[in-house]
Amino acid sequence: MSPLRSLGNPDISPFDDVFCATGKRYNHAYLQPWWGDRVVFGGGNGPVNEIEYFNINSSAQAQNFGTLNVATRMAGQCSSGTRGVIAGGTTPSSANDDFIDYITIATTGNATDFGDLINDTIGSAGVSNATRGLFMGGSNPSANEIMSNIQYITFATTGNATDAGNITLDRRYAAAGSSGTRAVMGGGGSPSTSNVIDYVTIESTNNATDFGDLTRSNQYLACVSSTTRAAWGGGDGGTNIIDYVTIATTGNAQDFGDLTQGRYGLGGAANNVVGVYMGGHTTGDYTNIVDFVTIATTGNATDICDINGSKGFIGGGFTGEV
């Protein structure tokens, strides 16, 4: 029997094909990392056009990355690991926007126009793998509409979003996580608050399916995820609860632990090992706290650093490679 030709190749990683002479990656999106150690998020209460970043493994305070083309809050956010995308939200005039902006995560600077969402959208749940980004649900108050549509973009090609199906019920202010193959979206308002978790195959154009339920009805929450788990933290009423599910197995969420401080309107991001919950609105005011959890191990969060100023209604966040 011939040896596995790429064994011993110093460039090989867990994502590599050991039967390949060069040890190159399989060409499958779910095996390509869409995360990294640089955390980036844009927008927030005000609304503002600021983009911030920090290292997920450091206790250093967040720094300025650049600016969005439009000041916004409650925008959907996702990344390919290389390119980050921020879409929709509420503008300073309280109108809703269909803009899609993008940045190159490794290089600080101002955002560039990517295209447009199908319609004006606030409060969609952004989620992705290395190839495709989804914006799930949201609302278009100018049309007096809470939406069930799933919109998708392909990161490598700028352009307008395309319809990919529908979630199981109309919802906004939910949050979503990804295993790379499957996206799970939990909570939201319709307009009453929901505990429903949906799932969908990211590369499909099919409607979502019911996954199970969160431990409580919740909206304005944040999600962090790995290829194995998704964990929703904070949310309606300023709760400190963190719920989690195993993404490959449908069923109801279980208790993970608690945030250091209850809050809603926070953002979330992860590098497949560590998840961070950023900012949010407490019962008294906005906060600059960044909480840290190890996704594979249940337990309470730890405060690791601060974002630039107190900020809420961030609408998501993402990580990428530097």
C-alpha atoms as a PDB file:
ATOM      1  CA  MET A   1       0.000   0.000   0.000  1.00  0.00           C
ATOM      2  CA  SER A   2       1.328   3.422  -0.920  1.00  0.00           C
ATOM      3  CA  PRO A   3       1.862   5.917   1.909  1.00  0.00           C
ATOM      4  CA  LEU A   4      -0.466   8.860   2.398  1.00  0.00           C
ATOM      5  CA  ARG A   5       1.519  11.307   0.336  1.00  0.00           C
ATOM      6  CA  SER A   6       0.903  14.499   2.287  1.00  0.00           C
ATOM      7  CA  LEU A   7       1.531  13.108   5.763  1.00  0.00           C
ATOM      8  CA  GLY A   8       4.501  14.981   7.160  1.00  0.00           C
ATOM      9  CA  ASN A   9       3.779  18.011   5.003  1.00  0.00           C
ATOM     10  CA  PRO A  10       4.367  20.946   7.398  1.00  0.00           C
ATOM     11  CA  ASP A  11       1.665  22.988   5.682  1.00  0.00           C
ATOM     12  CA  ILE A  12      -1.116  20.467   6.258  1.00  0.00           C
ATOM     13  CA  SER A  13      -3.976  21.398   8.571  1.00  0.00           C
ATOM     14  CA  PRO A  14      -7.129  19.626   9.802  1.00  0.00           C
ATOM     15  CA  PHE A  15      -8.854  21.047   6.717  1.00  0.00           C
ATOM     16  CA  ASP A  16      -6.357  19.436   4.294  1.00  0.00           C
ATOM     17  CA  ASP A  17      -6.661  16.367   2.102  1.00  0.00           C
ATOM     18  CA  VAL A  18      -4.118  13.855   3.384  1.00  0.00           C
ATOM     19  CA  PHE A  19      -4.363  11.917   0.098  1.00  0.00           C
ATOM     20  CA  CYS A  20      -3.214  14.958  -1.875  1.00  0.00           C
ATOM     21  CA  ALA A  21       0.451  15.332  -2.802  1.00  0.00           C
ATOM     22  CA  THR A  22       0.486  18.984  -1.808  1.00  0.00           C
ATOM     23  CA  GLY A  23      -1.738  18.811   1.247  1.00  0.00           C
ATOM     24  CA  LYS A  24      -4.130  21.426  -0.150  1.00  0.00           C
ATOM     25  CA  ARG A  25      -7.612  21.972   1.230  1.00  0.00           C
ATOM     26  CA  TYR A  26     -10.667  20.217  -0.035  1.00  0.00           C
ATOM     27  CA  ASN A  27     -12.756  22.604  -2.088  1.00  0.00           C
ATOM     28  CA  HIS A  28     -15.752  22.450   0.257  1.00  0.00           C
ATOM     29  CA  ALA A  29     -17.086  25.585   1.923  1.00  0.00           C
ATOM     30  CA  TYR A  30     -17.970  23.820   5.157  1.00  0.00           C
ATOM     31  CA  LEU A  31     -14.330  22.711   5.580  1.00  0.00           C
ATOM     32  CA  GLN A  32     -12.896  26.183   4.978  1.00  0.00           C
ATOM     33  CA  PRO A  33     -12.660  28.401   8.068  1.00  0.00           C
ATOM     34  CA  TRP A  34     -14.907  31.467   8.047  1.00  0.00           C
ATOM     35  CA  TRP A  35     -13.522  32.749  11.329  1.00  0.00           C
ATOM     36  CA  GLY A  36     -10.307  34.133  12.805  1.00  0.00           C
ATOM     37  CA  ASP A  37      -8.933  35.957  15.827  1.00  0.00           C
ATOM     38  CA  ARG A  38      -9.851  39.494  14.745  1.00  0.00           C
ATOM     39  CA  VAL A  39     -13.324  40.527  15.948  1.00  0.00           C
ATOM     40  CA  VAL A  40     -15.045  43.242  13.893  1.00  0.00           C
ATOM     41  CA  PHE A  41     -18.455  44.890  14.257  1.00  0.00           C
ATOM     42  CA  GLY A  42     -20.085  48.000  12.827  1.00  0.00           C
ATOM     43  CA  GLY A  43     -22.848  50.406  13.742  1.00  0.00           C
ATOM     44  CA  GLY A  44     -24.801  50.636  16.973  1.00  0.00           C
ATOM     45  CA  ASN A  45     -27.038  52.955  18.928  1.00  0.00           C
ATOM     46  CA  GLY A  46     -27.110  56.517  17.728  1.00  0.00           C
ATOM     47  CA  PRO A  47     -27.028  55.189  15.054  1.00  0.00           C
ATOM     48  CA  VAL A  48     -23.311  55.423  14.209  1.00  0.00           C
ATOM     49  CA  ASN A  49     -21.104  54.540  11.241  1.00  0.00           C
ATOM     50  CA  GLU A  50     -18.153  53.352  13.344  1.00  0.00           C
ATOM     51  CA  ILE A  51     -16.445  50.015  12.725  1.00  0.00           C
ATOM     52  CA  GLU A  52     -14.382  48.610  15.601  1.00  0.00           C
ATOM     53  CA  TYR A  53     -12.030  45.667  16.006  1.00  0.00           C
ATOM     54  CA  PHE A  54     -10.040  43.789  18.659  1.00  0.00           C
ATOM     55  CA  ASN A  55      -8.211  40.478  19.060  1.00  0.00           C
ATOM     56  CA  ILE A  56     -10.403  37.754  20.546  1.00  0.00           C
ATOM     57  CA  ASN A  57      -7.449  36.311  22.489  1.00  0.00           C
ATOM     58  CA  SER A  58      -6.382  39.633  24.000  1.00  0.00           C
ATOM     59  CA  SER A  59      -7.631  41.831  26.832  1.00  0.00           C
ATOM     60  CA  ALA A  60      -6.754  45.003  24.876  1.00  0.00           C
ATOM     61  CA  GLN A  61      -9.540  47.522  24.284  1.00  0.00           C
ATOM     62  CA  ALA A  62     -11.202  47.706  20.871  1.00  0.00           C
ATOM     63  CA  GLN A  63      -9.784  50.121  18.304  1.00  0.00           C
ATOM     64  CA  ASN A  64     -11.208  52.057  15.375  1.00  0.00           C
ATOM     65  CA  PHE A  65     -11.247  50.093  12.105  1.00  0.00           C
ATOM     66  CA  GLY A  66     -12.908  52.634   9.803  1.00  0.00           C
ATOM     67  CA  THR A  67     -16.416  53.772   8.917  1.00  0.00           C
ATOM     68  CA  LEU A  68     -19.474  52.425   7.172  1.00  0.00           C
ATOM     69  CA  ASN A  69     -21.002  54.276   4.223  1.00  0.00           C
ATOM     70  CA  VAL A  70     -24.198  54.698   6.250  1.00  0.00           C
ATOM     71  CA  ALA A  71     -24.684  55.210   9.992  1.00  0.00           C
ATOM     72  CA  THR A  72     -26.848  52.328  11.177  1.00  0.00           C
ATOM     73  CA  ARG A  73     -27.926  50.141  14.055  1.00  0.00           C
ATOM     74  CA  MET A  74     -29.400  46.615  14.172  1.00  0.00           C
ATOM     75  CA  ALA A  75     -27.685  45.668  10.905  1.00  0.00           C
ATOM     76  CA  GLY A  76     -27.112  42.050   9.903  1.00  0.00           C
ATOM     77  CA  GLN A  77     -23.422  41.063  10.017  1.00  0.00           C
ATOM     78  CA  CYS A  78     -21.450  38.029   8.756  1.00  0.00           C
ATOM     79  CA  SER A  79     -18.119  37.092   7.177  1.00  0.00           C
ATOM     80  CA  SER A  80     -16.237  34.629   4.997  1.00  0.00           C
ATOM     81  CA  GLY A  81     -13.209  34.829   7.289  1.00  0.00           C
ATOM     82  CA  THR A  82     -11.558  37.182   4.805  1.00  0.00           C
ATOM     83  CA  ARG A  83     -14.360  39.582   3.863  1.00  0.00           C
ATOM     84  CA  GLY A  84     -16.838  40.991   6.368  1.00  0.00           C
ATOM     85  CA  VAL A  85     -20.312  42.205   5.389  1.00  0.00           C
ATOM     86  CA  ILE A  86     -22.717  44.548   7.217  1.00  0.00           C
ATOM     87  CA  ALA A  87     -26.224  45.017   5.802  1.00  0.00           C
ATOM     88  CA  GLY A  88     -29.353  47.022   6.467  1.00  0.00           C
ATOM     89  CA  GLY A  89     -30.456  48.538   9.775  1.00  0.00           C
ATOM     90  CA  THR A  90     -31.894  51.859  10.879  1.00  0.00           C
ATOM     91  CA  THR A  91     -30.404  55.154   9.651  1.00  0.00           C
ATOM     92  CA  PRO A  92     -30.242  58.477  11.604  1.00  0.00           C
ATOM     93  CA  SER A  93     -33.556  59.557  10.074  1.00  0.00           C
ATOM     94  CA  SER A  94     -35.152  56.355  11.493  1.00  0.00           C
ATOM     95  CA  ALA A  95     -35.616  55.075   7.960  1.00  0.00           C
ATOM     96  CA  ASN A  96     -34.587  51.543   7.103  1.00  0.00           C
ATOM     97  CA  ASP A  97     -31.876  50.796   4.629  1.00  0.00           C
ATOM     98  CA  ASP A  98     -31.122  48.158   2.014  1.00  0.00           C
ATOM     99  CA  PHE A  99     -27.373  48.874   1.840  1.00  0.00           C
ATOM    100  CA  ILE A 100     -24.734  46.145   1.973  1.00  0.00           C
ATOM    101  CA  ASP A 101     -21.189  47.270   2.894  1.00  0.00           C
ATOM    102  CA  TYR A 102     -18.048  45.138   3.018  1.00  0.00           C
ATOM    103  CA  ILE A 103     -14.544  45.309   4.420  1.00  0.00           C
ATOM    104  CA  THR A 104     -11.375  43.230   4.131  1.00  0.00           C
ATOM    105  CA  ILE A 105     -10.930  42.017   7.709  1.00  0.00           C
ATOM    106  CA  ALA A 106      -7.120  41.940   7.683  1.00  0.00           C
ATOM    107  CA  THR A 107      -6.822  45.578   6.519  1.00  0.00           C
ATOM    108  CA  THR A 108      -8.295  48.474   8.465  1.00  0.00           C
ATOM    109  CA  GLY A 109     -10.115  51.100   6.452  1.00  0.00           C
ATOM    110  CA  ASN A 110     -13.536  52.350   5.421  1.00  0.00           C
ATOM    111  CA  ALA A 111     -16.235  50.058   4.068  1.00  0.00           C
ATOM    112  CA  THR A 112     -17.002  49.683   0.353  1.00  0.00           C
ATOM    113  CA  ASP A 113     -20.407  49.266  -1.261  1.00  0.00           C
ATOM    114  CA  PHE A 114     -21.245  45.610  -1.954  1.00  0.00           C
ATOM    115  CA  GLY A 115     -24.806  45.893  -3.294  1.00  0.00           C
ATOM    116  CA  ASP A 116     -28.329  46.025  -1.899  1.00  0.00           C
ATOM    117  CA  LEU A 117     -30.657  43.784   0.082  1.00  0.00           C
ATOM    118  CA  ILE A 118     -33.909  42.731  -1.597  1.00  0.00           C
ATOM    119  CA  ASN A 119     -35.740  45.336   0.491  1.00  0.00           C
ATOM    120  CA  ASP A 120     -35.127  47.729   3.389  1.00  0.00           C
ATOM    121  CA  THR A 121     -34.316  45.500   6.358  1.00  0.00           C
ATOM    122  CA  ILE A 122     -33.742  46.102  10.062  1.00  0.00           C
ATOM    123  CA  GLY A 123     -32.981  43.423  12.646  1.00  0.00           C
ATOM    124  CA  SER A 124     -32.078  40.516  10.359  1.00  0.00           C
ATOM    125  CA  ALA A 125     -29.952  37.668  11.757  1.00  0.00           C
ATOM    126  CA  GLY A 126     -26.660  37.443   9.838  1.00  0.00           C
ATOM    127  CA  VAL A 127     -24.872  34.079   9.527  1.00  0.00           C
ATOM    128  CA  SER A 128     -22.432  32.476   7.085  1.00  0.00           C
ATOM    129  CA  ASN A 129     -19.882  29.938   6.001  1.00  0.00           C
ATOM    130  CA  ALA A 130     -16.786  30.709   3.919  1.00  0.00           C
ATOM    131  CA  THR A 131     -18.783  31.095   0.708  1.00  0.00           C
ATOM    132  CA  ARG A 132     -22.283  32.382   1.416  1.00  0.00           C
ATOM    133  CA  GLY A 133     -23.802  34.864   3.869  1.00  0.00           C
ATOM    134  CA  LEU A 134     -27.455  34.757   4.927  1.00  0.00           C
ATOM    135  CA  PHE A 135     -29.672  37.493   6.357  1.00  0.00           C
ATOM    136  CA  MET A 136     -32.633  35.800   8.019  1.00  0.00           C
ATOM    137  CA  GLY A 137     -35.886  37.580   8.848  1.00  0.00           C
ATOM    138  CA  GLY A 138     -36.038  41.222   9.910  1.00  0.00           C
ATOM    139  CA  SER A 139     -38.575  43.953   9.364  1.00  0.00           C
ATOM    140  CA  ASN A 140     -39.387  46.678   6.883  1.00  0.00           C
ATOM    141  CA  PRO A 141     -41.433  49.179   8.914  1.00  0.00           C
ATOM    142  CA  SER A 142     -41.834  51.454   5.893  1.00  0.00           C
ATOM    143  CA  ALA A 143     -43.984  48.635   4.503  1.00  0.00           C
ATOM    144  CA  ASN A 144     -45.364  47.819   7.987  1.00  0.00           C
ATOM    145  CA  GLU A 145     -43.974  44.321   7.547  1.00  0.00           C
ATOM    146  CA  ILE A 146     -42.164  41.797   9.740  1.00  0.00           C
ATOM    147  CA  MET A 147     -40.506  39.410   7.322  1.00  0.00           C
ATOM    148  CA  SER A 148     -39.788  35.701   6.994  1.00  0.00           C
ATOM    149  CA  ASN A 149     -37.497  35.859   3.979  1.00  0.00           C
ATOM    150  CA  ILE A 150     -33.931  34.555   3.871  1.00  0.00           C
ATOM    151  CA  GLN A 151     -31.632  36.655   1.678  1.00  0.00           C
ATOM    152  CA  TYR A 152     -28.180  35.488   0.601  1.00  0.00           C
ATOM    153  CA  ILE A 153     -24.996  36.905  -0.874  1.00  0.00           C
ATOM    154  CA  THR A 154     -21.881  35.203  -2.261  1.00  0.00           C
ATOM    155  CA  PHE A 155     -18.867  36.803  -0.579  1.00  0.00           C
ATOM    156  CA  ALA A 156     -16.483  36.552  -3.517  1.00  0.00           C
ATOM    157  CA  THR A 157     -18.788  38.447  -5.880  1.00  0.00           C
ATOM    158  CA  THR A 158     -20.236  41.855  -5.055  1.00  0.00           C
ATOM    159  CA  GLY A 159     -23.873  42.365  -6.016  1.00  0.00           C
ATOM    160  CA  ASN A 160     -27.407  42.434  -4.695  1.00  0.00           C
ATOM    161  CA  ALA A 161     -28.851  39.843  -2.327  1.00  0.00           C
ATOM    162  CA  THR A 162     -30.962  36.967  -3.664  1.00  0.00           C
ATOM    163  CA  ASP A 163     -33.943  35.169  -2.143  1.00  0.00           C
ATOM    164  CA  ALA A 164     -33.082  31.803  -0.547  1.00  0.00           C
ATOM    165  CA  GLY A 165     -36.405  30.779   1.019  1.00  0.00           C
ATOM    166  CA  ASN A 166     -38.208  31.569   4.270  1.00  0.00           C
ATOM    167  CA  ILE A 167     -37.912  30.972   8.000  1.00  0.00           C
ATOM    168  CA  THR A 168     -40.825  29.224   9.756  1.00  0.00           C
ATOM    169  CA  LEU A 169     -42.496  32.444  10.950  1.00  0.00           C
ATOM    170  CA  ASP A 170     -42.095  36.197  10.514  1.00  0.00           C
ATOM    171  CA  ARG A 171     -39.444  37.446  12.981  1.00  0.00           C
ATOM    172  CA  ARG A 172     -36.983  40.276  13.623  1.00  0.00           C
ATOM    173  CA  TYR A 173     -34.259  40.847  16.261  1.00  0.00           C
ATOM    174  CA  ALA A 174     -33.287  37.154  16.326  1.00  0.00           C
ATOM    175  CA  ALA A 175     -29.687  35.846  16.249  1.00  0.00           C
ATOM    176  CA  ALA A 176     -28.052  33.023  14.301  1.00  0.00           C
ATOM    177  CA  GLY A 177     -25.006  30.731  14.353  1.00  0.00           C
ATOM    178  CA  SER A 178     -23.374  28.378  11.877  1.00  0.00           C
ATOM    179  CA  SER A 179     -21.638  24.995  11.743  1.00  0.00           C
ATOM    180  CA  GLY A 180     -20.525  25.804   8.206  1.00  0.00           C
ATOM    181  CA  THR A 181     -23.130  23.464   6.769  1.00  0.00           C
ATOM    182  CA  ARG A 182     -26.183  24.392   8.842  1.00  0.00           C
ATOM    183  CA  ALA A 183     -27.398  27.758  10.141  1.00  0.00           C
ATOM    184  CA  VAL A 184     -29.542  27.934  13.280  1.00  0.00           C
ATOM    185  CA  MET A 185     -31.603  31.018  14.113  1.00  0.00           C
ATOM    186  CA  GLY A 186     -33.152  31.512  17.563  1.00  0.00           C
ATOM    187  CA  GLY A 187     -35.652  33.887  19.123  1.00  0.00           C
ATOM    188  CA  GLY A 188     -36.944  37.139  17.678  1.00  0.00           C
ATOM    189  CA  GLY A 189     -40.150  39.146  17.760  1.00  0.00           C
ATOM    190  CA  SER A 190     -43.127  38.525  15.522  1.00  0.00           C
ATOM    191  CA  PRO A 191     -44.185  41.011  17.050  1.00  0.00           C
ATOM    192  CA  SER A 192     -44.681  38.915  20.197  1.00  0.00           C
ATOM    193  CA  THR A 193     -41.394  37.440  21.450  1.00  0.00           C
ATOM    194  CA  SER A 194     -40.569  33.925  20.228  1.00  0.00           C
ATOM    195  CA  ASN A 195     -38.559  30.975  21.576  1.00  0.00           C
ATOM    196  CA  VAL A 196     -38.445  29.183  18.201  1.00  0.00           C
ATOM    197  CA  ILE A 197     -35.145  27.904  16.766  1.00  0.00           C
ATOM    198  CA  ASP A 198     -35.067  27.302  12.984  1.00  0.00           C
ATOM    199  CA  TYR A 199     -32.396  25.627  10.893  1.00  0.00           C
ATOM    200  CA  VAL A 200     -31.490  25.704   7.223  1.00  0.00           C
ATOM    201  CA  THR A 201     -28.679  24.373   5.040  1.00  0.00           C
ATOM    202  CA  ILE A 202     -26.608  27.439   4.169  1.00  0.00           C
ATOM    203  CA  GLU A 203     -25.842  26.441   0.581  1.00  0.00           C
ATOM    204  CA  SER A 204     -29.488  25.583  -0.205  1.00  0.00           C
ATOM    205  CA  THR A 205     -32.407  27.702  -1.387  1.00  0.00           C
ATOM    206  CA  ASN A 206     -34.929  25.824   0.745  1.00  0.00           C
ATOM    207  CA  ASN A 207     -37.217  27.008   3.518  1.00  0.00           C
ATOM    208  CA  ALA A 208     -36.072  26.655   7.122  1.00  0.00           C
ATOM    209  CA  THR A 209     -37.281  23.833   9.394  1.00  0.00           C
ATOM    210  CA  ASP A 210     -38.139  23.908  13.093  1.00  0.00           C
ATOM    211  CA  PHE A 211     -35.136  22.850  15.226  1.00  0.00           C
ATOM    212  CA  GLY A 212     -36.525  23.201  18.761  1.00  0.00           C
ATOM    213  CA  ASP A 213     -36.972  25.957  21.348  1.00  0.00           C
ATOM    214  CA  LEU A 214     -34.827  28.298  23.423  1.00  0.00           C
ATOM    215  CA  THR A 215     -35.273  28.023  27.198  1.00  0.00           C
ATOM    216  CA  ARG A 216     -37.297  31.273  27.095  1.00  0.00           C
ATOM    217  CA  SER A 217     -38.934  33.520  24.537  1.00  0.00           C
ATOM    218  CA  ASN A 218     -36.310  36.104  23.640  1.00  0.00           C
ATOM    219  CA  GLN A 219     -35.305  38.867  21.223  1.00  0.00           C
ATOM    220  CA  TYR A 220     -32.432  41.413  20.943  1.00  0.00           C
ATOM    221  CA  LEU A 221     -30.055  38.567  21.811  1.00  0.00           C
ATOM    222  CA  ALA A 222     -26.655  37.584  20.365  1.00  0.00           C
ATOM    223  CA  CYS A 223     -25.312  34.243  19.134  1.00  0.00           C
ATOM    224  CA  VAL A 224     -21.779  32.808  19.087  1.00  0.00           C
ATOM    225  CA  SER A 225     -21.040  29.481  17.421  1.00  0.00           C
ATOM    226  CA  SER A 226     -18.493  26.834  16.525  1.00  0.00           C
ATOM    227  CA  THR A 227     -18.763  23.994  14.030  1.00  0.00           C
ATOM    228  CA  THR A 228     -20.418  22.036  16.861  1.00  0.00           C
ATOM    229  CA  ARG A 229     -22.443  24.416  19.066  1.00  0.00           C
ATOM    230  CA  ALA A 230     -24.425  27.644  18.977  1.00  0.00           C
ATOM    231  CA  ALA A 231     -24.888  29.686  22.167  1.00  0.00           C
ATOM    232  CA  TRP A 232     -27.364  32.577  22.521  1.00  0.00           C
ATOM    233  CA  GLY A 233     -26.681  35.155  25.240  1.00  0.00           C
ATOM    234  CA  GLY A 234     -28.605  38.065  26.741  1.00  0.00           C
ATOM    235  CA  GLY A 235     -31.769  39.506  25.269  1.00  0.00           C
ATOM    236  CA  ASP A 236     -35.210  40.729  26.135  1.00  0.00           C
ATOM    237  CA  GLY A 237     -35.623  42.349  29.559  1.00  0.00           C
ATOM    238  CA  GLY A 238     -31.866  42.501  30.120  1.00  0.00           C
ATOM    239  CA  THR A 239     -31.446  38.798  30.840  1.00  0.00           C
ATOM    240  CA  ASN A 240     -28.016  37.279  31.577  1.00  0.00           C
ATOM    241  CA  ILE A 241     -29.002  33.772  30.402  1.00  0.00           C
ATOM    242  CA  ILE A 242     -26.895  31.871  27.850  1.00  0.00           C
ATOM    243  CA  ASP A 243     -28.603  28.967  26.018  1.00  0.00           C
ATOM    244  CA  TYR A 244     -26.907  26.451  23.717  1.00  0.00           C
ATOM    245  CA  VAL A 245     -27.669  23.698  21.220  1.00  0.00           C
ATOM    246  CA  THR A 246     -25.621  21.102  19.375  1.00  0.00           C
ATOM    247  CA  ILE A 247     -26.093  22.242  15.785  1.00  0.00           C
ATOM    248  CA  ALA A 248     -26.056  18.798  14.158  1.00  0.00           C
ATOM    249  CA  THR A 249     -28.828  17.469  16.431  1.00  0.00           C
ATOM    250  CA  THR A 250     -32.291  19.028  16.560  1.00  0.00           C
ATOM    251  CA  GLY A 251     -33.825  19.600  19.979  1.00  0.00           C
ATOM    252  CA  ASN A 252     -34.476  22.210  22.623  1.00  0.00           C
ATOM    253  CA  ALA A 253     -31.754  24.477  23.980  1.00  0.00           C
ATOM    254  CA  GLN A 254     -30.089  23.874  27.336  1.00  0.00           C
ATOM    255  CA  ASP A 255     -28.618  26.226  29.925  1.00  0.00           C
ATOM    256  CA  PHE A 256     -24.978  27.150  29.231  1.00  0.00           C
ATOM    257  CA  GLY A 257     -24.318  29.664  32.027  1.00  0.00           C
ATOM    258  CA  ASP A 258     -24.661  33.411  32.573  1.00  0.00           C
ATOM    259  CA  LEU A 259     -23.244  36.644  31.194  1.00  0.00           C
ATOM    260  CA  THR A 260     -21.397  38.895  33.652  1.00  0.00           C
ATOM    261  CA  GLN A 261     -24.211  41.420  33.275  1.00  0.00           C
ATOM    262  CA  GLY A 262     -27.731  41.065  31.910  1.00  0.00           C
ATOM    263  CA  ARG A 263     -28.317  43.115  28.760  1.00  0.00           C
ATOM    264  CA  TYR A 264     -30.063  43.248  25.384  1.00  0.00           C
ATOM    265  CA  GLY A 265     -29.122  44.620  21.970  1.00  0.00           C
ATOM    266  CA  LEU A 266     -25.623  43.126  22.209  1.00  0.00           C
ATOM    267  CA  GLY A 267     -23.396  41.719  19.462  1.00  0.00           C
ATOM    268  CA  GLY A 268     -21.719  38.329  19.217  1.00  0.00           C
ATOM    269  CA  ALA A 269     -18.749  36.784  17.386  1.00  0.00           C
ATOM    270  CA  ALA A 270     -16.540  33.689  17.665  1.00  0.00           C
ATOM    271  CA  ASN A 271     -13.361  32.076  16.320  1.00  0.00           C
ATOM    272  CA  ASN A 272     -14.669  28.473  16.556  1.00  0.00           C
ATOM    273  CA  VAL A 273     -13.224  28.083  20.066  1.00  0.00           C
ATOM    274  CA  VAL A 274     -14.007  31.287  21.940  1.00  0.00           C
ATOM    275  CA  GLY A 275     -17.166  33.382  21.733  1.00  0.00           C
ATOM    276  CA  VAL A 276     -17.546  37.027  22.772  1.00  0.00           C
ATOM    277  CA  TYR A 277     -20.673  39.030  23.621  1.00  0.00           C
ATOM    278  CA  MET A 278     -20.145  42.772  23.042  1.00  0.00           C
ATOM    279  CA  GLY A 279     -21.863  45.816  24.487  1.00  0.00           C
ATOM    280  CA  GLY A 280     -25.620  45.997  24.878  1.00  0.00           C
ATOM    281  CA  HIS A 281     -28.235  47.874  26.877  1.00  0.00           C
ATOM    282  CA  THR A 282     -28.539  47.193  30.595  1.00  0.00           C
ATOM    283  CA  THR A 283     -31.536  48.110  32.717  1.00  0.00           C
ATOM    284  CA  GLY A 284     -29.928  51.541  33.220  1.00  0.00           C
ATOM    285  CA  ASP A 285     -27.824  52.420  30.185  1.00  0.00           C
ATOM    286  CA  TYR A 286     -25.575  51.098  27.430  1.00  0.00           C
ATOM    287  CA  THR A 287     -22.425  49.178  28.349  1.00  0.00           C
ATOM    288  CA  ASN A 288     -18.955  48.632  26.848  1.00  0.00           C
ATOM    289  CA  ILE A 289     -18.449  45.150  28.345  1.00  0.00           C
ATOM    290  CA  VAL A 290     -17.029  42.292  26.259  1.00  0.00           C
ATOM    291  CA  ASP A 291     -17.804  38.869  27.780  1.00  0.00           C
ATOM    292  CA  PHE A 292     -15.831  35.728  26.890  1.00  0.00           C
ATOM    293  CA  VAL A 293     -16.971  32.072  26.834  1.00  0.00           C
ATOM    294  CA  THR A 294     -15.318  28.841  25.716  1.00  0.00           C
ATOM    295  CA  ILE A 295     -17.985  27.387  23.426  1.00  0.00           C
ATOM    296  CA  ALA A 296     -17.156  23.697  24.030  1.00  0.00           C
ATOM    297  CA  THR A 297     -17.402  24.063  27.827  1.00  0.00           C
ATOM    298  CA  THR A 298     -20.512  25.278  29.614  1.00  0.00           C
ATOM    299  CA  GLY A 299     -20.044  27.876  32.340  1.00  0.00           C
ATOM    300  CA  ASN A 300     -20.402  31.542  33.143  1.00  0.00           C
ATOM    301  CA  ALA A 301     -18.847  34.265  30.966  1.00  0.00           C
ATOM    302  CA  THR A 302     -15.786  36.307  31.925  1.00  0.00           C
ATOM    303  CA  ASP A 303     -15.300  40.031  31.226  1.00  0.00           C
ATOM    304  CA  ILE A 304     -12.156  40.304  29.067  1.00  0.00           C
ATOM    305  CA  CYS A 305     -12.029  43.816  27.566  1.00  0.00           C
ATOM    306  CA  ASP A 306     -14.097  46.810  26.470  1.00  0.00           C
ATOM    307  CA  ILE A 307     -15.397  48.178  23.204  1.00  0.00           C
ATOM    308  CA  ASN A 308     -14.898  51.866  22.328  1.00  0.00           C
ATOM    309  CA  GLY A 309     -17.559  53.572  24.400  1.00  0.00           C
ATOM    310  CA  SER A 310     -20.854  52.195  25.646  1.00  0.00           C
ATOM    311  CA  LYS A 311     -22.874  50.861  22.735  1.00  0.00           C
ATOM    312  CA  GLY A 312     -25.943  48.717  22.066  1.00  0.00           C
ATOM    313  CA  PHE A 313     -28.105  47.454  19.211  1.00  0.00           C
ATOM    314  CA  ILE A 314     -24.950  46.335  17.443  1.00  0.00           C
ATOM    315  CA  GLY A 315     -26.863  43.714  15.450  1.00  0.00           C
ATOM    316  CA  GLY A 316     -24.104  41.101  15.301  1.00  0.00           C
ATOM    317  CA  GLY A 317     -20.375  41.015  14.612  1.00  0.00           C
ATOM    318  CA  PHE A 318     -17.932  38.582  13.000  1.00  0.00           C
ATOM    319  CA  THR A 319     -14.354  37.359  13.097  1.00  0.00           C
ATOM    320  CA  GLY A 320     -11.724  36.802  10.427  1.00  0.00           C
ATOM    321  CA  GLU A 321      -8.092  36.112   9.678  1.00  0.00           C
ATOM    322  CA  VAL A 322      -5.376  38.754   9.906  1.00  0.00           C
END
